[in-house]
Amino acid sequence: MGELMDTMETKANGSTGPKSAQGKAAVAKNALKHGAYSEAVAILGEDPADFEALHDGMVTSLQPVGPLEEALTDRLARVWWRIERVGRAERESLQSCLEWELRRRNVDRVANPTRMAMFLSTSVGDGHHAERLQRHEGQLERSFYRTLHELERLQARRQGQAVMPPVVLDVNISSE
């Protein structure tokens, strides 16, 4: 083990990274292209290239500067991807329930599939499946907007604009 560590340390000390301006420019974006989240965010059945396209589009649109803005942009892309995943899960769940119900009733279609889907969404499993998906989607959306607002504040401050601290409002709704 000690010999392996010595060899790794020797190789690391000899590595100086890219020397040309083009090489340095290429590795400057490594955190964006090869971040820990870029591969792990896509699950079975999802195309990592679709996530990369979304991520690249956000980077192009938001123009992050520096590691903090880059991290916030990366988080925005991951949260947006998950919001879309929840939407797909909800649609697929309703579609599956509707197809099952049509087979059960031995019919090809129903007069109002939207109404049937809404009814089925409350009766799947323990009856709270759709509610949980909607709650999860709401949490993700709040996270997305909090992150976006923080990125906007950082960018405004970097550009020399006066930035107000975020306003926090505590709402307590109770009958007491």
N, C-alpha and C. Protein backbone atom coordinates (compact mmCIF):
# COMPACT_ATOMS: atom_id res chain seq x y z
N MET A 1 0.83 -1.19 0.00
CA MET A 1 0.00 0.00 0.00
C MET A 1 0.86 1.24 0.00
N GLY A 2 1.92 1.25 0.85
CA GLY A 2 2.81 2.41 0.93
C GLY A 2 3.53 2.66 -0.38
N GLU A 3 3.91 1.56 -1.06
CA GLU A 3 4.61 1.69 -2.34
C GLU A 3 3.69 2.29 -3.40
N LEU A 4 2.42 1.86 -3.39
CA LEU A 4 1.43 2.40 -4.33
C LEU A 4 1.22 3.89 -4.09
N MET A 5 1.13 4.29 -2.84
CA MET A 5 0.94 5.70 -2.50
C MET A 5 2.14 6.53 -2.95
N ASP A 6 3.37 5.98 -2.76
CA ASP A 6 4.57 6.69 -3.20
C ASP A 6 4.57 6.88 -4.72
N THR A 7 4.16 5.84 -5.45
CA THR A 7 4.10 5.92 -6.91
C THR A 7 3.08 6.95 -7.34
N MET A 8 1.90 6.94 -6.71
CA MET A 8 0.86 7.90 -7.06
C MET A 8 1.32 9.33 -6.76
N GLU A 9 1.98 9.52 -5.64
CA GLU A 9 2.46 10.85 -5.27
C GLU A 9 3.51 11.33 -6.25
N THR A 10 4.41 10.45 -6.67
CA THR A 10 5.45 10.81 -7.64
C THR A 10 4.82 11.24 -8.95
N LYS A 11 3.83 10.47 -9.43
CA LYS A 11 3.15 10.82 -10.68
C LYS A 11 2.40 12.15 -10.55
N ALA A 12 1.76 12.35 -9.42
CA ALA A 12 1.00 13.59 -9.21
C ALA A 12 1.92 14.79 -9.19
N ASN A 13 3.09 14.65 -8.57
CA ASN A 13 4.03 15.77 -8.53
C ASN A 13 4.58 16.09 -9.91
N GLY A 14 4.66 15.10 -10.81
CA GLY A 14 5.17 15.32 -12.15
C GLY A 14 4.13 15.91 -13.09
N SER A 15 2.86 15.84 -12.72
CA SER A 15 1.78 16.35 -13.56
C SER A 15 1.66 17.86 -13.40
N THR A 16 1.74 18.54 -14.52
CA THR A 16 1.64 20.00 -14.45
C THR A 16 0.38 20.52 -15.14
N GLY A 17 -0.43 19.61 -15.70
CA GLY A 17 -1.65 20.05 -16.35
C GLY A 17 -1.38 20.59 -17.74
N PRO A 18 -2.37 21.15 -18.37
CA PRO A 18 -2.20 21.65 -19.74
C PRO A 18 -1.27 22.86 -19.78
N LYS A 19 -0.52 22.96 -20.87
CA LYS A 19 0.43 24.06 -21.01
C LYS A 19 -0.07 25.13 -21.98
N SER A 20 -0.81 24.72 -23.01
CA SER A 20 -1.26 25.68 -24.02
C SER A 20 -2.51 26.42 -23.52
N ALA A 21 -2.75 27.58 -24.12
CA ALA A 21 -3.95 28.36 -23.78
C ALA A 21 -5.20 27.57 -24.13
N GLN A 22 -5.16 26.85 -25.25
CA GLN A 22 -6.31 26.05 -25.66
C GLN A 22 -6.58 24.92 -24.66
N GLY A 23 -5.53 24.25 -24.19
CA GLY A 23 -5.67 23.19 -23.20
C GLY A 23 -6.20 23.72 -21.89
N LYS A 24 -5.70 24.88 -21.47
CA LYS A 24 -6.17 25.48 -20.22
C LYS A 24 -7.64 25.88 -20.33
N ALA A 25 -8.03 26.40 -21.49
CA ALA A 25 -9.43 26.79 -21.69
C ALA A 25 -10.33 25.56 -21.65
N ALA A 26 -9.83 24.44 -22.21
CA ALA A 26 -10.64 23.21 -22.23
C ALA A 26 -10.87 22.68 -20.83
N VAL A 27 -9.83 22.66 -19.98
CA VAL A 27 -10.01 22.09 -18.64
C VAL A 27 -10.69 23.06 -17.69
N ALA A 28 -10.78 24.33 -18.05
CA ALA A 28 -11.45 25.30 -17.19
C ALA A 28 -12.92 24.96 -17.01
N LYS A 29 -13.50 24.27 -17.97
CA LYS A 29 -14.92 23.91 -17.91
C LYS A 29 -15.15 22.50 -17.38
N ASN A 30 -14.11 21.83 -16.90
CA ASN A 30 -14.27 20.46 -16.42
C ASN A 30 -15.31 20.34 -15.33
N ALA A 31 -15.39 21.31 -14.44
CA ALA A 31 -16.37 21.25 -13.35
C ALA A 31 -17.79 21.23 -13.92
N LEU A 32 -18.00 21.90 -15.04
CA LEU A 32 -19.33 21.93 -15.63
C LEU A 32 -19.61 20.67 -16.44
N LYS A 33 -18.61 20.19 -17.19
CA LYS A 33 -18.84 19.06 -18.07
C LYS A 33 -18.73 17.73 -17.35
N HIS A 34 -17.89 17.65 -16.36
CA HIS A 34 -17.61 16.37 -15.73
C HIS A 34 -17.89 16.40 -14.23
N GLY A 35 -18.86 17.20 -13.82
CA GLY A 35 -19.20 17.29 -12.41
C GLY A 35 -19.74 15.98 -11.87
N ALA A 36 -19.67 15.83 -10.58
CA ALA A 36 -20.11 14.58 -9.94
C ALA A 36 -21.58 14.30 -10.21
N TYR A 37 -22.35 15.33 -10.47
CA TYR A 37 -23.79 15.13 -10.63
C TYR A 37 -24.19 14.83 -12.07
N SER A 38 -23.37 15.16 -13.03
CA SER A 38 -23.80 15.05 -14.42
C SER A 38 -24.11 13.61 -14.82
N GLU A 39 -23.35 12.63 -14.34
CA GLU A 39 -23.62 11.24 -14.69
C GLU A 39 -24.69 10.63 -13.78
N ALA A 40 -24.69 10.98 -12.53
CA ALA A 40 -25.57 10.33 -11.56
C ALA A 40 -27.00 10.82 -11.64
N VAL A 41 -27.25 11.93 -12.26
CA VAL A 41 -28.59 12.51 -12.23
C VAL A 41 -29.57 11.73 -13.10
N ALA A 42 -29.11 11.10 -14.17
CA ALA A 42 -29.99 10.33 -15.04
C ALA A 42 -30.13 8.92 -14.49
N ILE A 43 -31.37 8.47 -14.38
CA ILE A 43 -31.62 7.12 -13.88
C ILE A 43 -32.00 6.22 -15.05
N LEU A 44 -32.20 4.96 -14.75
CA LEU A 44 -32.54 3.97 -15.76
C LEU A 44 -33.70 4.47 -16.62
N GLY A 45 -33.52 4.45 -17.91
CA GLY A 45 -34.56 4.90 -18.82
C GLY A 45 -34.43 6.35 -19.23
N GLU A 46 -33.53 7.07 -18.61
CA GLU A 46 -33.30 8.47 -18.97
C GLU A 46 -31.98 8.57 -19.71
N ASP A 47 -31.93 9.45 -20.68
CA ASP A 47 -30.73 9.61 -21.49
C ASP A 47 -29.83 10.69 -20.88
N PRO A 48 -28.63 10.32 -20.45
CA PRO A 48 -27.72 11.32 -19.88
C PRO A 48 -27.43 12.47 -20.85
N ALA A 49 -27.49 12.20 -22.15
CA ALA A 49 -27.26 13.25 -23.13
C ALA A 49 -28.36 14.32 -23.05
N ASP A 50 -29.58 13.91 -22.72
CA ASP A 50 -30.67 14.88 -22.56
C ASP A 50 -30.39 15.80 -21.38
N PHE A 51 -29.88 15.21 -20.28
CA PHE A 51 -29.52 16.04 -19.13
C PHE A 51 -28.37 16.98 -19.49
N GLU A 52 -27.38 16.47 -20.20
CA GLU A 52 -26.24 17.32 -20.58
C GLU A 52 -26.71 18.48 -21.45
N ALA A 53 -27.67 18.22 -22.35
CA ALA A 53 -28.20 19.29 -23.20
C ALA A 53 -28.91 20.33 -22.34
N LEU A 54 -29.70 19.87 -21.37
CA LEU A 54 -30.38 20.80 -20.46
C LEU A 54 -29.35 21.62 -19.68
N HIS A 55 -28.35 20.94 -19.14
CA HIS A 55 -27.30 21.60 -18.35
C HIS A 55 -26.56 22.63 -19.20
N ASP A 56 -26.16 22.23 -20.40
CA ASP A 56 -25.44 23.15 -21.29
C ASP A 56 -26.30 24.36 -21.65
N GLY A 57 -27.60 24.12 -21.84
CA GLY A 57 -28.51 25.23 -22.14
C GLY A 57 -28.61 26.20 -20.98
N MET A 58 -28.64 25.68 -19.75
CA MET A 58 -28.69 26.57 -18.58
C MET A 58 -27.39 27.35 -18.43
N VAL A 59 -26.26 26.69 -18.68
CA VAL A 59 -24.97 27.38 -18.60
C VAL A 59 -24.93 28.50 -19.63
N THR A 60 -25.39 28.22 -20.85
CA THR A 60 -25.41 29.23 -21.90
C THR A 60 -26.34 30.38 -21.52
N SER A 61 -27.50 30.04 -20.99
CA SER A 61 -28.49 31.05 -20.65
C SER A 61 -28.09 31.90 -19.44
N LEU A 62 -27.56 31.25 -18.41
CA LEU A 62 -27.29 31.95 -17.14
C LEU A 62 -25.88 32.53 -17.05
N GLN A 63 -24.96 32.07 -17.89
CA GLN A 63 -23.59 32.59 -17.94
C GLN A 63 -22.93 32.68 -16.56
N PRO A 64 -22.79 31.55 -15.86
CA PRO A 64 -22.17 31.61 -14.53
C PRO A 64 -20.69 31.97 -14.62
N VAL A 65 -20.23 32.70 -13.61
CA VAL A 65 -18.82 33.06 -13.51
C VAL A 65 -18.34 32.63 -12.13
N GLY A 66 -17.32 31.82 -12.09
CA GLY A 66 -16.75 31.38 -10.82
C GLY A 66 -17.41 30.12 -10.30
N PRO A 67 -16.75 29.49 -9.34
CA PRO A 67 -17.23 28.19 -8.85
C PRO A 67 -18.59 28.24 -8.15
N LEU A 68 -18.90 29.30 -7.44
CA LEU A 68 -20.18 29.36 -6.75
C LEU A 68 -21.34 29.48 -7.74
N GLU A 69 -21.21 30.38 -8.71
CA GLU A 69 -22.26 30.52 -9.72
C GLU A 69 -22.37 29.24 -10.55
N GLU A 70 -21.25 28.59 -10.83
CA GLU A 70 -21.29 27.33 -11.58
C GLU A 70 -22.01 26.25 -10.77
N ALA A 71 -21.76 26.19 -9.47
CA ALA A 71 -22.42 25.20 -8.61
C ALA A 71 -23.93 25.46 -8.56
N LEU A 72 -24.33 26.73 -8.47
CA LEU A 72 -25.75 27.05 -8.44
C LEU A 72 -26.42 26.71 -9.77
N THR A 73 -25.72 26.96 -10.87
CA THR A 73 -26.26 26.62 -12.18
C THR A 73 -26.40 25.11 -12.33
N ASP A 74 -25.41 24.37 -11.84
CA ASP A 74 -25.49 22.91 -11.86
C ASP A 74 -26.68 22.44 -11.04
N ARG A 75 -26.89 23.03 -9.88
CA ARG A 75 -28.03 22.66 -9.03
C ARG A 75 -29.35 22.96 -9.73
N LEU A 76 -29.43 24.10 -10.39
CA LEU A 76 -30.65 24.44 -11.13
C LEU A 76 -30.96 23.39 -12.18
N ALA A 77 -29.95 22.95 -12.91
CA ALA A 77 -30.17 21.94 -13.95
C ALA A 77 -30.64 20.62 -13.32
N ARG A 78 -30.02 20.21 -12.20
CA ARG A 78 -30.41 18.96 -11.56
C ARG A 78 -31.83 19.04 -11.01
N VAL A 79 -32.19 20.15 -10.41
CA VAL A 79 -33.54 20.29 -9.85
C VAL A 79 -34.58 20.33 -10.97
N TRP A 80 -34.29 21.07 -12.04
CA TRP A 80 -35.21 21.12 -13.18
C TRP A 80 -35.43 19.72 -13.74
N TRP A 81 -34.34 18.94 -13.86
CA TRP A 81 -34.43 17.57 -14.36
C TRP A 81 -35.34 16.73 -13.47
N ARG A 82 -35.23 16.92 -12.18
CA ARG A 82 -36.06 16.15 -11.25
C ARG A 82 -37.52 16.60 -11.30
N ILE A 83 -37.76 17.89 -11.51
CA ILE A 83 -39.13 18.37 -11.68
C ILE A 83 -39.75 17.70 -12.90
N GLU A 84 -39.01 17.64 -13.97
CA GLU A 84 -39.51 16.99 -15.18
C GLU A 84 -39.76 15.50 -14.93
N ARG A 85 -38.89 14.87 -14.14
CA ARG A 85 -39.05 13.45 -13.81
C ARG A 85 -40.36 13.22 -13.04
N VAL A 86 -40.66 14.10 -12.09
CA VAL A 86 -41.90 13.96 -11.32
C VAL A 86 -43.10 14.09 -12.26
N GLY A 87 -43.03 15.03 -13.19
CA GLY A 87 -44.11 15.18 -14.16
C GLY A 87 -44.30 13.93 -15.00
N ARG A 88 -43.18 13.36 -15.45
CA ARG A 88 -43.27 12.11 -16.23
C ARG A 88 -43.84 10.98 -15.38
N ALA A 89 -43.41 10.89 -14.13
CA ALA A 89 -43.91 9.83 -13.24
C ALA A 89 -45.42 9.96 -13.05
N GLU A 90 -45.87 11.18 -12.88
CA GLU A 90 -47.31 11.40 -12.68
C GLU A 90 -48.09 11.00 -13.94
N ARG A 91 -47.60 11.44 -15.11
CA ARG A 91 -48.29 11.09 -16.36
C ARG A 91 -48.30 9.58 -16.59
N GLU A 92 -47.14 8.93 -16.36
CA GLU A 92 -47.05 7.49 -16.57
C GLU A 92 -47.92 6.73 -15.58
N SER A 93 -47.99 7.19 -14.36
CA SER A 93 -48.83 6.55 -13.36
C SER A 93 -50.30 6.65 -13.74
N LEU A 94 -50.71 7.84 -14.14
CA LEU A 94 -52.11 8.02 -14.54
C LEU A 94 -52.43 7.21 -15.79
N GLN A 95 -51.51 7.20 -16.74
CA GLN A 95 -51.73 6.42 -17.97
C GLN A 95 -51.86 4.94 -17.64
N SER A 96 -50.98 4.45 -16.78
CA SER A 96 -51.02 3.04 -16.39
C SER A 96 -52.34 2.71 -15.69
N CYS A 97 -52.76 3.57 -14.78
CA CYS A 97 -54.03 3.34 -14.06
C CYS A 97 -55.21 3.37 -15.02
N LEU A 98 -55.19 4.31 -15.94
CA LEU A 98 -56.29 4.42 -16.90
C LEU A 98 -56.34 3.18 -17.79
N GLU A 99 -55.19 2.71 -18.27
CA GLU A 99 -55.17 1.51 -19.09
C GLU A 99 -55.67 0.30 -18.31
N TRP A 100 -55.25 0.18 -17.05
CA TRP A 100 -55.69 -0.93 -16.21
C TRP A 100 -57.22 -0.89 -16.03
N GLU A 101 -57.73 0.30 -15.77
CA GLU A 101 -59.18 0.44 -15.55
C GLU A 101 -59.95 0.13 -16.83
N LEU A 102 -59.45 0.52 -17.98
CA LEU A 102 -60.12 0.20 -19.24
C LEU A 102 -60.14 -1.31 -19.47
N ARG A 103 -59.03 -1.98 -19.19
CA ARG A 103 -59.00 -3.45 -19.32
C ARG A 103 -59.97 -4.09 -18.33
N ARG A 104 -59.99 -3.57 -17.12
CA ARG A 104 -60.87 -4.12 -16.09
C ARG A 104 -62.34 -3.99 -16.51
N ARG A 105 -62.68 -2.87 -17.12
CA ARG A 105 -64.07 -2.64 -17.55
C ARG A 105 -64.36 -3.24 -18.93
N ASN A 106 -63.31 -3.76 -19.57
CA ASN A 106 -63.43 -4.35 -20.89
C ASN A 106 -63.98 -3.35 -21.92
N VAL A 107 -63.42 -2.15 -21.89
CA VAL A 107 -63.80 -1.11 -22.86
C VAL A 107 -62.53 -0.55 -23.50
N ASP A 108 -62.73 0.06 -24.68
CA ASP A 108 -61.59 0.63 -25.40
C ASP A 108 -61.25 2.04 -24.96
N ARG A 109 -62.29 2.79 -24.57
CA ARG A 109 -62.05 4.16 -24.12
C ARG A 109 -63.19 4.62 -23.23
N VAL A 110 -62.96 5.72 -22.52
CA VAL A 110 -64.00 6.30 -21.67
C VAL A 110 -64.38 7.66 -22.23
N ALA A 111 -65.57 8.12 -21.87
CA ALA A 111 -66.07 9.39 -22.40
C ALA A 111 -65.19 10.56 -21.97
N ASN A 112 -64.73 10.55 -20.71
CA ASN A 112 -63.93 11.66 -20.20
C ASN A 112 -62.66 11.10 -19.51
N PRO A 113 -61.58 10.88 -20.31
CA PRO A 113 -60.39 10.28 -19.72
C PRO A 113 -59.74 11.15 -18.64
N THR A 114 -59.88 12.47 -18.74
CA THR A 114 -59.29 13.35 -17.74
C THR A 114 -59.97 13.14 -16.40
N ARG A 115 -61.28 13.08 -16.40
CA ARG A 115 -62.02 12.86 -15.16
C ARG A 115 -61.69 11.48 -14.58
N MET A 116 -61.60 10.48 -15.45
CA MET A 116 -61.27 9.13 -14.98
C MET A 116 -59.85 9.12 -14.39
N ALA A 117 -58.91 9.80 -15.03
CA ALA A 117 -57.53 9.85 -14.53
C ALA A 117 -57.48 10.54 -13.17
N MET A 118 -58.22 11.61 -13.01
CA MET A 118 -58.24 12.31 -11.72
C MET A 118 -58.83 11.42 -10.63
N PHE A 119 -59.89 10.69 -10.98
CA PHE A 119 -60.47 9.76 -10.01
C PHE A 119 -59.46 8.68 -9.64
N LEU A 120 -58.80 8.11 -10.65
CA LEU A 120 -57.85 7.03 -10.40
C LEU A 120 -56.64 7.52 -9.61
N SER A 121 -56.24 8.78 -9.83
CA SER A 121 -55.05 9.30 -9.13
C SER A 121 -55.25 9.33 -7.62
N THR A 122 -56.49 9.42 -7.19
CA THR A 122 -56.75 9.44 -5.74
C THR A 122 -57.00 8.04 -5.19
N SER A 123 -57.16 7.06 -6.09
CA SER A 123 -57.47 5.72 -5.61
C SER A 123 -56.34 4.72 -5.82
N VAL A 124 -55.20 5.17 -6.29
CA VAL A 124 -54.06 4.27 -6.51
C VAL A 124 -53.38 3.98 -5.18
N GLY A 125 -53.07 2.73 -4.96
CA GLY A 125 -52.36 2.33 -3.75
C GLY A 125 -53.09 2.78 -2.51
N ASP A 126 -52.43 3.62 -1.71
CA ASP A 126 -53.04 4.09 -0.47
C ASP A 126 -53.88 5.34 -0.68
N GLY A 127 -54.03 5.78 -1.94
CA GLY A 127 -54.85 6.94 -2.24
C GLY A 127 -54.10 8.25 -2.14
N HIS A 128 -52.81 8.20 -1.81
CA HIS A 128 -52.05 9.45 -1.65
C HIS A 128 -50.88 9.56 -2.62
N HIS A 129 -50.85 8.69 -3.61
CA HIS A 129 -49.74 8.68 -4.56
C HIS A 129 -49.62 10.02 -5.27
N ALA A 130 -50.70 10.50 -5.86
CA ALA A 130 -50.67 11.77 -6.59
C ALA A 130 -50.35 12.93 -5.65
N GLU A 131 -50.88 12.87 -4.45
CA GLU A 131 -50.62 13.92 -3.46
C GLU A 131 -49.12 13.98 -3.13
N ARG A 132 -48.50 12.83 -2.97
CA ARG A 132 -47.07 12.80 -2.67
C ARG A 132 -46.26 13.35 -3.84
N LEU A 133 -46.64 12.96 -5.06
CA LEU A 133 -45.93 13.48 -6.24
C LEU A 133 -46.05 15.00 -6.32
N GLN A 134 -47.24 15.51 -6.08
CA GLN A 134 -47.45 16.96 -6.13
C GLN A 134 -46.67 17.67 -5.04
N ARG A 135 -46.61 17.09 -3.86
CA ARG A 135 -45.85 17.69 -2.76
C ARG A 135 -44.36 17.70 -3.10
N HIS A 136 -43.89 16.59 -3.67
CA HIS A 136 -42.48 16.51 -4.06
C HIS A 136 -42.17 17.53 -5.15
N GLU A 137 -43.08 17.66 -6.11
CA GLU A 137 -42.89 18.64 -7.17
C GLU A 137 -42.84 20.06 -6.60
N GLY A 138 -43.71 20.35 -5.64
CA GLY A 138 -43.71 21.67 -5.01
C GLY A 138 -42.41 21.95 -4.28
N GLN A 139 -41.88 20.96 -3.58
CA GLN A 139 -40.61 21.14 -2.88
C GLN A 139 -39.48 21.41 -3.87
N LEU A 140 -39.49 20.66 -4.97
CA LEU A 140 -38.46 20.87 -5.99
C LEU A 140 -38.57 22.26 -6.62
N GLU A 141 -39.80 22.70 -6.90
CA GLU A 141 -39.99 24.02 -7.49
C GLU A 141 -39.51 25.12 -6.55
N ARG A 142 -39.81 24.98 -5.25
CA ARG A 142 -39.32 25.99 -4.29
C ARG A 142 -37.80 26.00 -4.25
N SER A 143 -37.20 24.83 -4.28
CA SER A 143 -35.74 24.74 -4.30
C SER A 143 -35.18 25.39 -5.56
N PHE A 144 -35.83 25.15 -6.69
CA PHE A 144 -35.39 25.74 -7.96
C PHE A 144 -35.40 27.26 -7.88
N TYR A 145 -36.51 27.83 -7.44
CA TYR A 145 -36.62 29.28 -7.40
C TYR A 145 -35.71 29.92 -6.35
N ARG A 146 -35.54 29.26 -5.20
CA ARG A 146 -34.59 29.77 -4.20
C ARG A 146 -33.18 29.83 -4.79
N THR A 147 -32.79 28.75 -5.48
CA THR A 147 -31.46 28.69 -6.07
C THR A 147 -31.33 29.72 -7.18
N LEU A 148 -32.34 29.85 -8.02
CA LEU A 148 -32.30 30.84 -9.10
C LEU A 148 -32.18 32.25 -8.54
N HIS A 149 -32.95 32.56 -7.51
CA HIS A 149 -32.89 33.90 -6.92
C HIS A 149 -31.52 34.16 -6.29
N GLU A 150 -30.93 33.15 -5.67
CA GLU A 150 -29.60 33.32 -5.09
C GLU A 150 -28.57 33.56 -6.19
N LEU A 151 -28.69 32.82 -7.28
CA LEU A 151 -27.78 33.03 -8.41
C LEU A 151 -27.94 34.45 -8.97
N GLU A 152 -29.16 34.89 -9.13
CA GLU A 152 -29.41 36.24 -9.64
C GLU A 152 -28.83 37.30 -8.70
N ARG A 153 -28.96 37.08 -7.39
CA ARG A 153 -28.39 38.02 -6.41
C ARG A 153 -26.87 38.07 -6.53
N LEU A 154 -26.23 36.90 -6.65
CA LEU A 154 -24.78 36.86 -6.79
C LEU A 154 -24.32 37.56 -8.07
N GLN A 155 -25.03 37.32 -9.15
CA GLN A 155 -24.66 37.94 -10.42
C GLN A 155 -24.85 39.45 -10.37
N ALA A 156 -25.92 39.91 -9.74
CA ALA A 156 -26.15 41.35 -9.61
C ALA A 156 -25.06 41.98 -8.76
N ARG A 157 -24.69 41.33 -7.66
CA ARG A 157 -23.63 41.86 -6.79
C ARG A 157 -22.30 41.90 -7.55
N ARG A 158 -22.03 40.86 -8.31
CA ARG A 158 -20.79 40.82 -9.10
C ARG A 158 -20.75 41.96 -10.12
N GLN A 159 -21.90 42.36 -10.62
CA GLN A 159 -21.98 43.43 -11.61
C GLN A 159 -22.06 44.81 -10.97
N GLY A 160 -21.91 44.85 -9.64
CA GLY A 160 -21.86 46.13 -8.93
C GLY A 160 -23.21 46.70 -8.54
N GLN A 161 -24.25 45.95 -8.68
CA GLN A 161 -25.58 46.44 -8.31
C GLN A 161 -25.80 46.26 -6.81
N ALA A 162 -26.57 47.16 -6.24
CA ALA A 162 -26.94 47.03 -4.83
C ALA A 162 -27.92 45.87 -4.71
N VAL A 163 -27.64 44.97 -3.79
CA VAL A 163 -28.47 43.78 -3.64
C VAL A 163 -29.07 43.77 -2.23
N MET A 164 -30.37 43.73 -2.19
CA MET A 164 -31.09 43.66 -0.92
C MET A 164 -31.01 42.23 -0.39
N PRO A 165 -30.96 42.07 0.92
CA PRO A 165 -30.98 40.71 1.46
C PRO A 165 -32.33 40.07 1.16
N PRO A 166 -32.35 38.73 1.08
CA PRO A 166 -33.63 38.08 0.78
C PRO A 166 -34.64 38.33 1.90
N VAL A 167 -35.87 38.47 1.50
CA VAL A 167 -36.95 38.68 2.45
C VAL A 167 -37.49 37.32 2.89
N VAL A 168 -37.55 37.11 4.18
CA VAL A 168 -38.06 35.85 4.70
C VAL A 168 -39.34 36.16 5.47
N LEU A 169 -40.36 35.43 5.17
CA LEU A 169 -41.65 35.65 5.81
C LEU A 169 -42.07 34.35 6.47
N ASP A 170 -42.35 34.41 7.75
CA ASP A 170 -42.80 33.23 8.48
C ASP A 170 -44.31 33.32 8.63
N VAL A 171 -45.00 32.38 8.03
CA VAL A 171 -46.45 32.36 8.07
C VAL A 171 -46.89 31.18 8.93
N ASN A 172 -47.72 31.49 9.90
CA ASN A 172 -48.26 30.47 10.78
C ASN A 172 -49.77 30.51 10.68
N ILE A 173 -50.34 29.46 10.14
CA ILE A 173 -51.79 29.39 10.01
C ILE A 173 -52.28 28.38 11.03
N SER A 174 -52.93 28.89 12.05
CA SER A 174 -53.48 27.98 13.06
C SER A 174 -54.79 28.56 13.56
N SER A 175 -55.57 27.72 14.19
CA SER A 175 -56.88 28.16 14.69
C SER A 175 -56.77 28.78 16.07
N GLU A 176 -55.60 28.75 16.65
CA GLU A 176 -55.42 29.28 18.01
C GLU A 176 -55.12 30.75 18.01
